[in-house]
Amino acid sequence: IPGAAAKAKADGDSQFRANNVVAARESYTRALDRLGATDDVADATRRSFRAALLSNRAACDMALARQHGASKGRVCYHRAIRDCTLAFEAAPVRRGVCVMAYSIRS
């Protein structure tokens, strides 16, 4: 895993724990950008790391959706579902929690 991607993820994790979800989301996005493409099927470590980043960014969007309420919240939930789907494609175990949370709230 590139050092810049790991550092950005660590920053996102720290921001999320501090309930700074906007900053956390930006850090996870930055980490994804620094990670780059993970098309190599044989690279399970990168795929797993990418899935973790996407799941974490989805968690940020879900937290933002709860803060924003119904109209703006839907946009955040749709972004979360998109990221969870991408995470599922990288590592199939990651998508279920997002889908269940969306179903409960929609």
Protein backbone atom coordinates (compact mmCIF):
# COMPACT_ATOMS: atom_id res chain seq x y z
CA ILE A 1 0.00 0.00 0.00
CA PRO A 2 1.46 3.39 -0.95
CA GLY A 3 2.50 5.38 2.12
CA ALA A 4 0.48 8.43 1.10
CA ALA A 5 -2.69 6.34 0.88
CA ALA A 6 -2.09 4.73 4.27
CA LYS A 7 -1.39 8.14 5.83
CA ALA A 8 -4.57 9.63 4.37
CA LYS A 9 -6.58 6.65 5.67
CA ALA A 10 -5.08 7.05 9.15
CA ASP A 11 -6.02 10.72 9.04
CA GLY A 12 -9.56 9.80 7.98
CA ASP A 13 -9.83 7.27 10.80
CA SER A 14 -8.70 9.89 13.31
CA GLN A 15 -11.13 12.48 11.94
CA PHE A 16 -14.00 9.98 11.99
CA ARG A 17 -13.32 9.05 15.63
CA ALA A 18 -13.42 12.79 16.42
CA ASN A 19 -16.81 13.00 14.63
CA ASN A 20 -15.38 15.25 11.90
CA VAL A 21 -17.13 13.28 9.16
CA VAL A 22 -16.65 15.86 6.40
CA ALA A 23 -12.89 15.92 6.97
CA ALA A 24 -12.84 12.12 7.31
CA ARG A 25 -14.68 11.72 3.99
CA GLU A 26 -12.17 14.03 2.30
CA SER A 27 -9.27 12.01 3.74
CA TYR A 28 -10.74 8.71 2.53
CA THR A 29 -11.26 10.22 -0.93
CA ARG A 30 -7.64 11.44 -0.91
CA ALA A 31 -6.49 7.95 0.12
CA LEU A 32 -8.46 6.40 -2.75
CA ASP A 33 -6.88 8.85 -5.18
CA ARG A 34 -3.41 8.02 -3.90
CA LEU A 35 -4.08 4.28 -3.97
CA GLY A 36 -4.89 4.44 -7.66
CA ALA A 37 -6.44 1.67 -9.72
CA THR A 38 -6.69 -1.79 -8.21
CA ASP A 39 -7.58 -3.78 -11.28
CA ASP A 40 -5.07 -6.53 -10.56
CA VAL A 41 -7.22 -9.42 -9.39
CA ALA A 42 -4.19 -11.07 -7.76
CA ASP A 43 -3.51 -8.09 -5.47
CA ALA A 44 -5.80 -8.99 -2.58
CA THR A 45 -4.12 -6.55 -0.18
CA ARG A 46 -4.84 -3.53 -2.38
CA ARG A 47 -8.39 -4.71 -3.08
CA SER A 48 -9.05 -5.15 0.63
CA PHE A 49 -7.55 -1.73 1.42
CA ARG A 50 -9.68 -0.13 -1.33
CA ALA A 51 -12.79 -1.85 0.04
CA ALA A 52 -12.01 -0.55 3.53
CA LEU A 53 -11.61 2.99 2.21
CA LEU A 54 -14.87 2.81 0.30
CA SER A 55 -16.72 1.36 3.29
CA ASN A 56 -15.31 4.05 5.55
CA ARG A 57 -16.29 6.79 3.12
CA ALA A 58 -19.78 5.27 2.95
CA ALA A 59 -19.96 5.41 6.75
CA CYS A 60 -19.17 9.11 6.53
CA ASP A 61 -21.95 9.62 4.01
CA MET A 62 -24.39 7.73 6.22
CA ALA A 63 -23.47 9.94 9.17
CA LEU A 64 -23.91 13.02 6.99
CA ALA A 65 -27.30 11.74 5.83
CA ARG A 66 -28.47 11.50 9.43
CA GLN A 67 -27.29 15.06 10.04
CA HIS A 68 -28.89 16.51 6.91
CA GLY A 69 -32.35 15.01 7.18
CA ALA A 70 -34.66 13.72 4.47
CA SER A 71 -34.01 15.73 1.31
CA LYS A 72 -30.23 16.22 1.46
CA GLY A 73 -29.80 12.93 3.26
CA ARG A 74 -30.97 10.92 0.26
CA VAL A 75 -28.01 12.16 -1.79
CA CYS A 76 -25.64 11.01 0.95
CA TYR A 77 -27.33 7.61 1.16
CA HIS A 78 -27.07 7.15 -2.59
CA ARG A 79 -23.34 7.97 -2.45
CA ALA A 80 -23.00 5.47 0.39
CA ILE A 81 -24.75 2.76 -1.60
CA ARG A 82 -22.48 3.47 -4.60
CA ASP A 83 -19.36 3.18 -2.45
CA CYS A 84 -20.65 0.04 -0.75
CA THR A 85 -21.29 -1.51 -4.15
CA LEU A 86 -17.74 -0.69 -5.24
CA ALA A 87 -16.44 -2.10 -1.96
CA PHE A 88 -18.47 -5.25 -2.58
CA GLU A 89 -16.87 -5.62 -6.00
CA ALA A 90 -13.41 -5.36 -4.40
CA ALA A 91 -14.16 -7.50 -1.32
CA PRO A 92 -17.68 -9.03 -1.22
CA VAL A 93 -18.05 -9.06 2.55
CA ARG A 94 -18.27 -5.25 2.94
CA ARG A 95 -21.58 -4.21 1.33
CA GLY A 96 -24.27 -5.68 3.58
CA VAL A 97 -24.15 -3.17 6.43
CA CYS A 98 -24.67 -0.19 4.12
CA VAL A 99 -27.55 -1.82 2.29
CA MET A 100 -29.30 -2.70 5.54
CA ALA A 101 -28.83 0.81 6.94
CA TYR A 102 -30.21 2.35 3.75
CA SER A 103 -33.23 0.04 3.75
CA ILE A 104 -34.07 0.91 7.34
CA ARG A 105 -33.88 4.66 6.75
CA SER A 106 -35.47 5.01 3.30
